[in-house]
Amino acid sequence: MAVLLVVLISIIVVGIRKQGVYDSTIPLNHGWTLIFHGDTTEIESTEKYAIAEHILRGDSLILKRKLTAEIPQTPVLRFKTYQTFVEAYRDGKKIYSNSESNYRNHGLVGSGIHFVYLGISLVKDRSLELKFYFSENDAWNILPSFEILPAKYAYNDFYARHSIALVVGLFLLLFGILALFLSAGMLFYKMRFFQLMMIGFLSICLGIWTLCFTKLFQLFSYDFTFNTNLEYAALYISPLPLYLLLLHMRYKQISKTLWSGLIIVAGLDLLIFAVTTILNFTDVVHYPQSLWVFHAYVILCIVYLFVTIISNKHKFDAPTRILTAGVFTFGTFAILELVRFHVMTFFHLEHTILGITWLPAGTLLFVLLLVMSYIVYTYRLMSVKTEKDLLKEIAYRDSLTGIYNRAKSQRIFKILDSTSADFAIVSIDMNGLKLINDRYGHNEGDRQLKAFATAFHDAFTEVGTTIRLGGDEFLAVVRQEHIADVNIALAKMAELQKDLSANLLMPLEAAYGVAYRHEFSKDKKGHSKDIAQVDSVKVYQLADERMYAMKSVMKSTLVRL
């Protein structure tokens, strides 16, 4: 599955990169005239110009310039904005707008990459006017960077330039979906599924956030409002599956204080998500304006986790150490991202190297370490379970013959007594074992026991459960669906005894008795009786009586020896 996932992502990325990066992109950051609050300013470069005043919702800004003959055929103007309704005019005619209804209705406008088709050829002195209407306070304070390139390259060039983030986002998203499907299958087979489900949920959240944050989700949707809602919702809810995963993996393995702390931070995330979502969709406070609350929560969580890790690192097992490394790595990337974001915003450095985020790479590394931790954790659980099952199996096995022992018969009897199903019990007693032990020694007696156990087990292997009660006493328990095969199994056992006797000093011989639960379905007066009231011990006693009755009429000289 993982290989198919990698192949699928590779096909998608290769398809996007076929056109590759367009090397002849024309920057269009010079020659603009800015009109803001009635003041007109000739600006040197949009990348270097920062708005000194605080932006308030409802403010507008206009950028104007002339288009020159260097503009290519079928040109597209590409730029990015945050929480802004944009209108574009060429020669006074509107050629583009986005999210106007949301802006007019005080809804969330969203962020994204604008692709404005200018629809002009090589004609000089065409005018271009861009109007920006801010939908949130302090939406942005530095002007966008503008690029011109041919329409056929506009999208492919953007995705090719951000191919690493695209690969990370798609991998996280598809891996999360695959993990959810696998966990659903594990649930169907009653296997442990919760950890994998939480990893899948977390991976999907982080994958969606990565694609939306880098604006690569426009590959699937050009609706800025939807993309922004999805971006913040995925971000705000992402800590919840992580903390649920930690709670599940460390259940009863950490102190009550740490356990309570994890529950509190998980509940706090759920509360933040619920409150901010309600405020966002009721247009009271939109997601971007509540980002500071989430940042404060992230800092609180990182400090809590780091303190917890440092104070308890000596108690960690292998999967916890890997998980801790993942959390520590992601926490470090998250802190660096917060520092980068606030420094970039405060010093207006969006068009520098600080405009590039490395958080998607940290996210991918975190998920990979998380998966590795889960694999090690699952392997340890399976190893412990296998060891317990092996010890349990050994406890229920007869050391000499390898078939089940008396302890196993007692467990089976309890299970049978808890049901109302019919069953049969075959009581078997070997003949002549004492004579063999006295005459040839216990080693030969053991050979005799092993040979008989082989014949007995092989005859009943598909019919019932074979048990050695001790000494020369054996027992077979046959469930309701195989009751009709009891006599066939006994006949087969007799044949196998003859075959195996050829290699023994004395022939294999045994007496047996068979009893059925349904034989007790009526009382002594012939009245019907609830079969569920008949316990297995009574059936066994009847089978034992019939075994001795058979032994008493056998003419073999071994019967009484």
Protein backbone atom coordinates (compact mmCIF):
# COMPACT_ATOMS: atom_id res chain seq x y z
CA MET A 1 0.00 0.00 0.00
CA ALA A 2 2.79 2.40 0.90
CA VAL A 3 4.49 1.69 -2.43
CA LEU A 4 1.25 2.37 -4.32
CA LEU A 5 0.85 5.61 -2.38
CA VAL A 6 4.34 6.77 -3.34
CA VAL A 7 3.73 5.78 -6.99
CA LEU A 8 0.41 7.66 -7.08
CA ILE A 9 1.94 10.82 -5.63
CA SER A 10 4.87 10.54 -8.04
CA ILE A 11 2.53 10.32 -11.02
CA ILE A 12 0.62 13.41 -9.85
CA VAL A 13 3.77 15.44 -9.22
CA VAL A 14 5.44 14.35 -12.46
CA GLY A 15 2.29 15.33 -14.34
CA ILE A 16 2.37 18.78 -12.75
CA ARG A 17 6.09 19.25 -13.36
CA LYS A 18 5.94 18.25 -17.03
CA GLN A 19 5.60 21.87 -17.99
CA GLY A 20 8.11 22.74 -15.28
CA VAL A 21 9.08 26.12 -13.96
CA TYR A 22 8.55 28.95 -16.43
CA ASP A 23 11.89 30.78 -16.49
CA SER A 24 10.65 33.89 -18.30
CA THR A 25 8.25 35.12 -15.63
CA ILE A 26 8.13 38.93 -15.66
CA PRO A 27 8.11 40.68 -12.26
CA LEU A 28 5.62 43.54 -12.21
CA ASN A 29 6.49 45.24 -8.93
CA HIS A 30 7.67 48.61 -10.29
CA GLY A 31 5.83 51.57 -11.72
CA TRP A 32 2.71 51.39 -9.56
CA THR A 33 0.73 54.31 -8.22
CA LEU A 34 -0.82 53.73 -4.78
CA ILE A 35 -4.02 55.43 -3.65
CA PHE A 36 -4.86 54.90 0.03
CA HIS A 37 -7.05 57.04 2.29
CA GLY A 38 -7.14 59.69 -0.43
CA ASP A 39 -3.33 59.98 -0.66
CA THR A 40 -1.55 59.18 -3.93
CA THR A 41 1.98 57.74 -3.81
CA GLU A 42 4.36 56.69 -6.57
CA ILE A 43 6.03 53.59 -5.16
CA GLU A 44 9.40 52.18 -6.16
CA SER A 45 8.51 48.52 -5.58
CA THR A 46 5.54 46.73 -4.09
CA GLU A 47 7.89 44.26 -2.43
CA LYS A 48 9.55 47.00 -0.40
CA TYR A 49 6.53 49.13 0.43
CA ALA A 50 4.78 48.66 3.76
CA ILE A 51 1.59 50.43 4.79
CA ALA A 52 2.36 52.45 7.88
CA GLU A 53 -1.22 52.80 9.09
CA HIS A 54 -3.30 50.07 10.72
CA ILE A 55 -5.60 48.38 8.25
CA LEU A 56 -9.25 48.33 9.33
CA ARG A 57 -12.07 46.29 7.92
CA GLY A 58 -13.74 48.28 5.13
CA ASP A 59 -10.56 50.09 4.12
CA SER A 60 -9.69 50.01 0.44
CA LEU A 61 -6.52 50.46 -1.55
CA ILE A 62 -5.96 51.06 -5.25
CA LEU A 63 -2.90 50.24 -7.36
CA LYS A 64 -2.57 51.62 -10.90
CA ARG A 65 -0.02 51.33 -13.67
CA LYS A 66 0.47 51.15 -17.44
CA LEU A 67 1.13 47.85 -19.20
CA THR A 68 4.03 47.90 -21.66
CA ALA A 69 4.87 45.94 -24.80
CA GLU A 70 7.01 43.47 -22.86
CA ILE A 71 3.83 41.77 -21.70
CA PRO A 72 3.60 38.28 -23.33
CA GLN A 73 0.72 36.90 -25.34
CA THR A 74 -2.41 35.86 -23.31
CA PRO A 75 -0.84 37.16 -20.10
CA VAL A 76 -1.90 36.29 -16.56
CA LEU A 77 -1.17 38.48 -13.54
CA ARG A 78 -0.38 36.33 -10.48
CA PHE A 79 -0.28 37.56 -6.88
CA LYS A 80 -1.30 36.54 -3.36
CA THR A 81 -3.55 38.31 -0.86
CA TYR A 82 -4.91 37.66 2.62
CA GLN A 83 -8.53 38.28 3.64
CA THR A 84 -9.08 40.74 0.80
CA PHE A 85 -11.76 41.22 -1.84
CA VAL A 86 -10.01 42.10 -5.11
CA GLU A 87 -11.27 43.73 -8.30
CA ALA A 88 -9.14 44.11 -11.43
CA TYR A 89 -9.84 46.63 -14.24
CA ARG A 90 -8.19 46.89 -17.63
CA ASP A 91 -8.81 50.16 -19.43
CA GLY A 92 -11.63 50.86 -16.96
CA LYS A 93 -13.38 47.53 -17.62
CA LYS A 94 -13.70 44.98 -14.82
CA ILE A 95 -11.96 41.74 -15.78
CA TYR A 96 -11.72 39.97 -12.39
CA SER A 97 -13.16 39.84 -8.87
CA ASN A 98 -13.33 37.33 -6.03
CA SER A 99 -15.60 36.71 -3.02
CA GLU A 100 -17.59 39.91 -3.48
CA SER A 101 -20.77 38.52 -1.90
CA ASN A 102 -18.87 37.36 1.20
CA TYR A 103 -17.26 40.77 1.57
CA ARG A 104 -20.58 42.63 1.18
CA ASN A 105 -22.23 40.31 3.73
CA HIS A 106 -19.37 40.67 6.26
CA GLY A 107 -18.40 37.04 5.78
CA LEU A 108 -14.97 35.44 5.54
CA VAL A 109 -13.30 36.37 2.23
CA GLY A 110 -10.32 34.04 2.52
CA SER A 111 -6.74 34.03 1.24
CA GLY A 112 -5.24 32.69 -1.93
CA ILE A 113 -3.33 33.13 -5.17
CA HIS A 114 -5.08 35.30 -7.76
CA PHE A 115 -4.74 34.48 -11.44
CA VAL A 116 -6.01 37.49 -13.39
CA TYR A 117 -6.34 36.94 -17.17
CA LEU A 118 -5.49 40.30 -18.70
CA GLY A 119 -6.73 39.32 -22.15
CA ILE A 120 -4.37 41.60 -24.07
CA SER A 121 -1.67 41.19 -26.71
CA LEU A 122 1.44 43.22 -27.36
CA VAL A 123 -0.19 46.64 -27.12
CA LYS A 124 1.42 49.57 -25.36
CA ASP A 125 -0.06 51.83 -22.72
CA ARG A 126 -2.95 49.66 -21.61
CA SER A 127 -4.01 50.65 -18.09
CA LEU A 128 -4.33 48.20 -15.22
CA GLU A 129 -6.09 49.03 -11.96
CA LEU A 130 -6.36 46.79 -8.90
CA LYS A 131 -8.75 47.55 -6.04
CA PHE A 132 -8.26 45.84 -2.69
CA TYR A 133 -11.02 45.84 -0.07
CA PHE A 134 -9.86 44.60 3.33
CA SER A 135 -12.32 42.27 5.07
CA GLU A 136 -10.45 41.99 8.38
CA ASN A 137 -8.50 44.33 10.64
CA ASP A 138 -4.75 44.17 9.94
CA ALA A 139 -5.34 41.73 7.09
CA TRP A 140 -1.90 42.61 5.67
CA ASN A 141 0.39 45.61 5.61
CA ILE A 142 2.87 44.83 2.84
CA LEU A 143 1.88 44.98 -0.82
CA PRO A 144 1.81 41.79 -2.89
CA SER A 145 4.51 40.68 -5.28
CA PHE A 146 3.18 40.65 -8.86
CA GLU A 147 4.22 38.37 -11.72
CA ILE A 148 3.22 38.23 -15.38
CA LEU A 149 3.46 35.01 -17.41
CA PRO A 150 1.57 33.29 -20.26
CA ALA A 151 -1.77 31.75 -19.31
CA LYS A 152 -0.74 28.21 -20.25
CA TYR A 153 2.12 28.31 -17.72
CA ALA A 154 0.42 30.21 -14.91
CA TYR A 155 -0.83 27.25 -12.86
CA ASN A 156 1.84 24.67 -13.68
CA ASP A 157 4.62 27.10 -12.88
CA PHE A 158 3.14 27.85 -9.45
CA TYR A 159 2.70 24.18 -8.50
CA ALA A 160 6.13 23.26 -9.90
CA ARG A 161 7.78 25.97 -7.81
CA HIS A 162 6.13 24.52 -4.69
CA SER A 163 6.46 20.84 -5.59
CA ILE A 164 8.12 19.86 -2.29
CA ALA A 165 5.22 21.23 -0.25
CA LEU A 166 2.82 19.61 -2.73
CA VAL A 167 4.48 16.20 -2.27
CA VAL A 168 4.42 16.56 1.53
CA GLY A 169 0.78 17.65 1.60
CA LEU A 170 -0.43 14.95 -0.79
CA PHE A 171 1.55 12.26 1.01
CA LEU A 172 0.13 13.23 4.40
CA LEU A 173 -3.40 13.45 3.01
CA LEU A 174 -3.34 10.14 1.12
CA PHE A 175 -1.46 8.35 3.89
CA GLY A 176 -4.09 9.52 6.39
CA ILE A 177 -6.92 8.27 4.18
CA LEU A 178 -5.15 4.92 3.78
CA ALA A 179 -4.64 4.70 7.57
CA LEU A 180 -8.35 5.34 8.18
CA PHE A 181 -9.31 2.60 5.73
CA LEU A 182 -6.88 0.17 7.37
CA SER A 183 -8.18 1.04 10.84
CA ALA A 184 -11.75 0.45 9.63
CA GLY A 185 -10.68 -2.98 8.37
CA MET A 186 -8.98 -3.73 11.70
CA LEU A 187 -12.19 -2.77 13.49
CA PHE A 188 -14.08 -5.26 11.35
CA TYR A 189 -11.65 -8.01 12.39
CA LYS A 190 -11.78 -6.88 16.07
CA MET A 191 -8.14 -5.82 16.07
CA ARG A 192 -6.55 -2.79 17.72
CA PHE A 193 -7.50 0.14 15.51
CA PHE A 194 -7.70 3.31 17.61
CA GLN A 195 -4.02 4.29 17.40
CA LEU A 196 -3.90 3.90 13.62
CA MET A 197 -7.19 5.78 13.28
CA MET A 198 -5.82 8.73 15.27
CA ILE A 199 -2.60 8.72 13.22
CA GLY A 200 -4.72 8.75 10.06
CA PHE A 201 -6.91 11.57 11.37
CA LEU A 202 -3.86 13.62 12.39
CA SER A 203 -2.13 13.00 9.05
CA ILE A 204 -5.23 14.11 7.12
CA CYS A 205 -5.51 17.29 9.21
CA LEU A 206 -1.85 18.16 8.73
CA GLY A 207 -1.97 17.25 5.02
CA ILE A 208 -4.99 19.48 4.41
CA TRP A 209 -3.42 22.30 6.43
CA THR A 210 -0.15 22.01 4.47
CA LEU A 211 -1.94 22.21 1.11
CA CYS A 212 -4.19 25.07 2.21
CA PHE A 213 -1.47 27.04 4.00
CA THR A 214 0.77 26.95 0.92
CA LYS A 215 -2.28 27.71 -1.27
CA LEU A 216 -1.66 24.47 -3.19
CA PHE A 217 -5.19 23.33 -2.36
CA GLN A 218 -6.25 25.57 -5.25
CA LEU A 219 -5.30 22.56 -7.35
CA PHE A 220 -8.65 21.15 -6.15
CA SER A 221 -10.69 24.23 -5.23
CA TYR A 222 -10.47 27.89 -6.25
CA ASP A 223 -12.96 28.98 -3.58
CA PHE A 224 -10.82 31.13 -1.24
CA THR A 225 -13.44 31.12 1.52
CA PHE A 226 -13.78 27.34 1.54
CA ASN A 227 -10.01 26.82 1.40
CA THR A 228 -9.38 29.22 4.29
CA ASN A 229 -12.11 27.68 6.44
CA LEU A 230 -10.63 24.25 5.75
CA GLU A 231 -7.11 25.46 6.53
CA TYR A 232 -7.95 26.85 9.95
CA ALA A 233 -10.37 24.06 10.90
CA ALA A 234 -7.72 21.42 10.09
CA LEU A 235 -5.11 23.38 12.03
CA TYR A 236 -7.26 23.99 15.12
CA ILE A 237 -8.47 20.38 15.42
CA SER A 238 -5.09 18.70 14.67
CA PRO A 239 -3.82 18.59 18.32
CA LEU A 240 -6.87 16.56 19.40
CA PRO A 241 -5.99 13.26 17.64
CA LEU A 242 -2.40 13.63 18.83
CA TYR A 243 -3.44 13.90 22.48
CA LEU A 244 -6.00 11.10 22.12
CA LEU A 245 -3.24 8.96 20.66
CA LEU A 246 -0.94 9.79 23.58
CA LEU A 247 -3.71 9.03 26.08
CA HIS A 248 -4.43 5.67 24.47
CA MET A 249 -0.81 4.59 24.10
CA ARG A 250 0.14 5.60 27.65
CA TYR A 251 -3.02 4.29 29.35
CA LYS A 252 -2.18 3.20 32.92
CA GLN A 253 1.52 3.78 32.19
CA ILE A 254 1.82 7.37 33.38
CA SER A 255 0.94 9.15 36.63
CA LYS A 256 -2.52 10.50 37.30
CA THR A 257 -1.11 14.05 37.16
CA LEU A 258 0.26 13.60 33.64
CA TRP A 259 -2.89 11.76 32.59
CA SER A 260 -5.04 14.62 33.87
CA GLY A 261 -2.78 17.14 32.12
CA LEU A 262 -3.21 15.39 28.77
CA ILE A 263 -6.98 15.28 29.23
CA ILE A 264 -7.02 19.00 30.04
CA VAL A 265 -4.99 20.06 26.98
CA ALA A 266 -7.06 17.76 24.74
CA GLY A 267 -10.28 19.18 26.14
CA LEU A 268 -8.94 22.72 25.77
CA ASP A 269 -8.21 22.13 22.08
CA LEU A 270 -11.71 20.79 21.54
CA LEU A 271 -13.12 23.86 23.31
CA ILE A 272 -11.02 26.27 21.21
CA PHE A 273 -12.06 24.52 18.03
CA ALA A 274 -15.75 24.54 18.94
CA VAL A 275 -15.82 28.20 20.07
CA THR A 276 -13.76 29.59 17.16
CA THR A 277 -15.79 27.58 14.65
CA ILE A 278 -19.09 28.90 16.01
CA LEU A 279 -17.78 32.47 16.02
CA ASN A 280 -16.39 32.05 12.50
CA PHE A 281 -19.53 30.71 10.85
CA THR A 282 -21.75 33.23 12.64
CA ASP A 283 -19.43 35.99 11.30
CA VAL A 284 -18.72 37.31 14.79
CA VAL A 285 -14.96 36.64 14.76
CA HIS A 286 -13.44 34.89 11.77
CA TYR A 287 -10.77 32.22 12.02
CA PRO A 288 -7.78 34.47 11.11
CA GLN A 289 -8.64 36.88 13.92
CA SER A 290 -8.59 34.05 16.51
CA LEU A 291 -5.22 32.70 15.38
CA TRP A 292 -3.48 34.35 18.35
CA VAL A 293 -5.58 32.18 20.70
CA PHE A 294 -4.38 29.03 18.95
CA HIS A 295 -0.78 30.28 18.98
CA ALA A 296 -1.01 30.82 22.73
CA TYR A 297 -2.48 27.34 23.14
CA VAL A 298 0.32 25.80 21.03
CA ILE A 299 2.98 27.52 23.14
CA LEU A 300 1.29 26.25 26.32
CA CYS A 301 1.15 22.70 24.95
CA ILE A 302 4.75 22.74 23.77
CA VAL A 303 5.99 23.95 27.16
CA TYR A 304 3.86 21.28 28.91
CA LEU A 305 5.10 18.50 26.64
CA PHE A 306 8.75 19.56 26.87
CA VAL A 307 8.61 19.72 30.67
CA THR A 308 6.90 16.33 30.76
CA ILE A 309 9.44 14.80 28.39
CA ILE A 310 12.44 16.15 30.29
CA SER A 311 11.11 15.12 33.72
CA ASN A 312 10.09 11.60 32.67
CA LYS A 313 12.61 10.67 29.96
CA HIS A 314 14.21 7.98 32.19
CA LYS A 315 10.89 6.09 32.25
CA PHE A 316 10.38 5.89 28.49
CA ASP A 317 10.42 2.62 26.56
CA ALA A 318 11.45 2.32 22.89
CA PRO A 319 8.12 3.37 21.25
CA THR A 320 7.74 6.25 23.71
CA ARG A 321 11.27 7.48 22.94
CA ILE A 322 10.48 7.51 19.22
CA LEU A 323 7.16 9.24 19.88
CA THR A 324 8.95 11.73 22.12
CA ALA A 325 11.48 12.45 19.37
CA GLY A 326 8.58 13.12 17.00
CA VAL A 327 6.82 15.44 19.43
CA PHE A 328 10.07 17.23 20.25
CA THR A 329 10.88 17.65 16.53
CA PHE A 330 7.42 18.95 15.68
CA GLY A 331 7.44 21.23 18.72
CA THR A 332 10.77 22.69 17.62
CA PHE A 333 9.50 23.30 14.08
CA ALA A 334 6.30 24.82 15.50
CA ILE A 335 8.26 27.26 17.69
CA LEU A 336 10.48 28.24 14.75
CA GLU A 337 7.36 28.74 12.62
CA LEU A 338 5.78 31.02 15.24
CA VAL A 339 9.00 33.04 15.46
CA ARG A 340 9.27 33.21 11.65
CA PHE A 341 5.63 34.27 11.25
CA HIS A 342 5.72 37.05 13.82
CA VAL A 343 9.14 38.39 12.79
CA MET A 344 8.06 38.39 9.14
CA THR A 345 4.82 40.19 10.01
CA PHE A 346 6.35 42.74 12.36
CA PHE A 347 9.30 43.66 10.14
CA HIS A 348 7.40 43.35 6.80
CA LEU A 349 9.71 40.60 5.47
CA GLU A 350 7.20 38.50 3.53
CA HIS A 351 9.15 38.82 0.27
CA THR A 352 12.41 37.62 1.84
CA ILE A 353 13.59 34.15 2.82
CA LEU A 354 11.40 34.45 5.91
CA GLY A 355 8.39 34.18 3.61
CA ILE A 356 9.23 30.47 3.19
CA THR A 357 7.92 28.07 5.82
CA TRP A 358 9.63 24.81 6.75
CA LEU A 359 6.76 23.60 8.88
CA PRO A 360 5.48 21.14 6.19
CA ALA A 361 8.87 19.36 6.32
CA GLY A 362 8.68 19.21 10.11
CA THR A 363 5.13 17.92 9.83
CA LEU A 364 6.19 15.11 7.50
CA LEU A 365 9.08 14.13 9.77
CA PHE A 366 6.75 14.17 12.78
CA VAL A 367 4.19 11.87 11.11
CA LEU A 368 6.91 9.46 9.97
CA LEU A 369 8.27 9.25 13.54
CA LEU A 370 4.72 8.84 14.79
CA VAL A 371 4.16 5.91 12.43
CA MET A 372 7.50 4.39 13.44
CA SER A 373 6.51 4.69 17.10
CA TYR A 374 3.18 3.02 16.36
CA ILE A 375 4.89 0.15 14.52
CA VAL A 376 7.31 -0.45 17.41
CA TYR A 377 4.46 -0.11 19.92
CA THR A 378 2.29 -2.59 18.00
CA TYR A 379 5.22 -5.00 17.60
CA ARG A 380 5.85 -4.95 21.36
CA LEU A 381 2.17 -5.54 22.10
CA MET A 382 2.08 -8.44 19.65
CA SER A 383 5.29 -9.88 21.13
CA VAL A 384 3.89 -9.72 24.65
CA LYS A 385 0.59 -11.22 23.49
CA THR A 386 2.40 -13.98 21.60
CA GLU A 387 4.49 -14.75 24.66
CA LYS A 388 1.41 -14.88 26.89
CA ASP A 389 -0.42 -17.06 24.39
CA LEU A 390 2.58 -19.37 24.18
CA LEU A 391 2.81 -19.66 27.96
CA LYS A 392 -0.93 -20.25 28.16
CA GLU A 393 -0.69 -22.89 25.45
CA ILE A 394 2.17 -24.60 27.28
CA ALA A 395 0.14 -24.56 30.50
CA TYR A 396 -2.67 -26.43 28.72
CA ARG A 397 -0.47 -29.00 26.97
CA ASP A 398 0.51 -32.45 28.21
CA SER A 399 4.30 -32.47 28.30
CA LEU A 400 4.62 -36.11 27.17
CA THR A 401 2.08 -36.46 24.36
CA GLY A 402 1.65 -32.83 23.23
CA ILE A 403 -2.15 -32.98 23.34
CA TYR A 404 -4.25 -30.95 25.80
CA ASN A 405 -4.20 -31.74 29.54
CA ARG A 406 -6.71 -31.89 32.40
CA ALA A 407 -6.58 -28.08 32.96
CA LYS A 408 -7.74 -27.57 29.38
CA SER A 409 -10.62 -30.02 29.86
CA GLN A 410 -11.80 -28.04 32.88
CA ARG A 411 -11.86 -24.80 30.84
CA ILE A 412 -13.71 -26.54 28.01
CA PHE A 413 -16.26 -27.93 30.47
CA LYS A 414 -16.92 -24.40 31.80
CA ILE A 415 -17.46 -23.11 28.27
CA LEU A 416 -19.81 -25.98 27.43
CA ASP A 417 -21.80 -25.39 30.60
CA SER A 418 -22.35 -21.75 29.62
CA THR A 419 -24.16 -22.75 26.40
CA SER A 420 -27.27 -24.75 25.53
CA ALA A 421 -25.65 -26.57 22.59
CA ASP A 422 -25.41 -30.34 22.37
CA PHE A 423 -22.03 -32.10 22.60
CA ALA A 424 -20.48 -35.53 23.02
CA ILE A 425 -17.75 -36.75 25.36
CA VAL A 426 -15.63 -39.80 24.60
CA SER A 427 -13.91 -41.37 27.63
CA ILE A 428 -10.96 -43.64 26.73
CA ASP A 429 -8.73 -45.86 28.85
CA MET A 430 -5.71 -47.72 27.51
CA ASN A 431 -5.24 -51.41 28.29
CA GLY A 432 -2.01 -52.98 29.54
CA LEU A 433 0.04 -49.87 30.33
CA LYS A 434 0.94 -51.18 33.81
CA LEU A 435 2.18 -54.46 32.33
CA ILE A 436 4.42 -52.61 29.89
CA ASN A 437 5.84 -50.37 32.61
CA ASP A 438 6.52 -53.35 34.91
CA ARG A 439 7.95 -55.62 32.21
CA TYR A 440 9.82 -53.22 29.91
CA GLY A 441 10.23 -50.05 31.97
CA HIS A 442 8.64 -46.60 31.93
CA ASN A 443 10.49 -45.51 28.79
CA GLU A 444 8.67 -48.18 26.82
CA GLY A 445 5.46 -47.21 28.59
CA ASP A 446 5.98 -43.63 27.46
CA ARG A 447 6.49 -44.81 23.88
CA GLN A 448 3.18 -46.66 24.16
CA LEU A 449 1.42 -43.54 25.48
CA LYS A 450 2.87 -41.33 22.71
CA ALA A 451 1.88 -43.79 20.01
CA PHE A 452 -1.66 -44.05 21.30
CA ALA A 453 -1.92 -40.25 21.67
CA THR A 454 -0.85 -39.93 18.01
CA ALA A 455 -3.53 -42.38 16.85
CA PHE A 456 -6.12 -40.72 19.08
CA HIS A 457 -5.28 -37.15 18.00
CA ASP A 458 -5.04 -37.94 14.29
CA ALA A 459 -8.42 -39.68 14.37
CA PHE A 460 -10.20 -36.80 16.13
CA THR A 461 -8.22 -33.82 14.78
CA GLU A 462 -11.10 -32.53 12.62
CA VAL A 463 -13.86 -33.83 14.86
CA GLY A 464 -13.11 -32.80 18.43
CA THR A 465 -10.57 -31.76 21.06
CA THR A 466 -8.21 -34.46 22.30
CA ILE A 467 -7.10 -34.49 25.96
CA ARG A 468 -4.95 -36.64 28.20
CA LEU A 469 -6.39 -36.55 31.72
CA GLY A 470 -3.38 -38.35 33.20
CA GLY A 471 -1.83 -41.83 33.24
CA ASP A 472 -3.64 -43.96 30.64
CA GLU A 473 -6.88 -41.92 30.70
CA PHE A 474 -7.89 -39.88 27.64
CA LEU A 475 -10.86 -37.74 26.70
CA ALA A 476 -12.34 -36.30 23.51
CA VAL A 477 -14.87 -33.44 23.46
CA VAL A 478 -16.95 -33.27 20.28
CA ARG A 479 -19.06 -30.18 19.50
CA GLN A 480 -22.61 -30.34 18.19
CA GLU A 481 -21.72 -29.93 14.51
CA HIS A 482 -19.45 -33.04 14.54
CA ILE A 483 -21.49 -35.42 16.72
CA ALA A 484 -22.37 -37.53 13.68
CA ASP A 485 -18.64 -38.15 13.05
CA VAL A 486 -17.85 -39.71 16.44
CA ASN A 487 -18.15 -43.33 15.31
CA ILE A 488 -16.13 -42.63 12.18
CA ALA A 489 -13.36 -41.12 14.32
CA LEU A 490 -13.38 -44.12 16.67
CA ALA A 491 -13.09 -46.53 13.75
CA LYS A 492 -10.20 -44.50 12.34
CA MET A 493 -8.52 -44.54 15.74
CA ALA A 494 -8.72 -48.36 15.81
CA GLU A 495 -7.09 -48.58 12.37
CA LEU A 496 -4.30 -46.21 13.36
CA GLN A 497 -3.68 -48.23 16.53
CA LYS A 498 -3.11 -51.35 14.44
CA ASP A 499 -0.70 -49.52 12.13
CA LEU A 500 1.34 -48.04 14.96
CA SER A 501 1.41 -51.30 16.96
CA ALA A 502 3.78 -52.81 14.40
CA ASN A 503 6.65 -50.76 15.88
CA LEU A 504 5.80 -51.45 19.54
CA LEU A 505 6.56 -54.29 21.91
CA MET A 506 2.86 -54.66 22.75
CA PRO A 507 -0.19 -53.80 20.65
CA LEU A 508 -2.17 -50.62 21.29
CA GLU A 509 -5.53 -51.34 22.82
CA ALA A 510 -8.16 -49.18 24.56
CA ALA A 511 -11.74 -49.22 25.83
CA TYR A 512 -14.01 -46.24 25.29
CA GLY A 513 -17.46 -44.94 26.12
CA VAL A 514 -19.49 -42.20 24.44
CA ALA A 515 -22.19 -40.03 26.04
CA TYR A 516 -24.24 -37.14 24.63
CA ARG A 517 -25.75 -34.12 26.32
CA HIS A 518 -29.10 -34.60 24.64
CA GLU A 519 -29.45 -37.94 26.45
CA PHE A 520 -30.30 -35.89 29.56
CA SER A 521 -33.02 -33.87 27.86
CA LYS A 522 -35.73 -35.84 29.73
CA ASP A 523 -36.05 -36.66 33.41
CA LYS A 524 -36.86 -40.09 34.85
CA LYS A 525 -40.61 -39.50 34.32
CA GLY A 526 -40.11 -38.69 30.62
CA HIS A 527 -40.75 -34.98 30.98
CA SER A 528 -38.71 -32.59 28.84
CA LYS A 529 -35.79 -30.98 30.58
CA ASP A 530 -33.83 -27.88 29.74
CA ILE A 531 -30.61 -29.19 28.17
CA ALA A 532 -28.75 -26.11 29.38
CA GLN A 533 -29.19 -27.41 32.94
CA VAL A 534 -27.11 -30.52 32.11
CA ASP A 535 -23.49 -29.92 33.08
CA SER A 536 -20.58 -31.53 31.27
CA VAL A 537 -19.42 -33.49 34.32
CA LYS A 538 -22.60 -35.60 34.20
CA VAL A 539 -22.04 -36.35 30.52
CA TYR A 540 -18.44 -37.29 31.24
CA GLN A 541 -19.47 -39.60 34.10
CA LEU A 542 -21.90 -41.41 31.80
CA ALA A 543 -19.19 -41.77 29.12
CA ASP A 544 -16.81 -43.10 31.78
CA GLU A 545 -19.36 -45.67 32.95
CA ARG A 546 -19.81 -46.87 29.38
CA MET A 547 -16.05 -47.09 28.94
CA TYR A 548 -15.76 -49.39 31.96
CA ALA A 549 -18.71 -51.41 30.72
CA MET A 550 -16.88 -51.95 27.43
CA LYS A 551 -13.69 -52.84 29.26
CA SER A 552 -15.56 -55.46 31.32
CA VAL A 553 -16.71 -57.39 28.25
CA MET A 554 -13.44 -57.17 26.32
CA LYS A 555 -11.77 -60.60 25.99
CA SER A 556 -8.24 -59.25 25.64
CA THR A 557 -5.66 -60.39 28.18
CA LEU A 558 -4.54 -56.77 28.51
CA VAL A 559 -7.81 -55.56 29.99
CA ARG A 560 -6.98 -56.34 33.58
CA LEU A 561 -3.26 -55.63 33.35
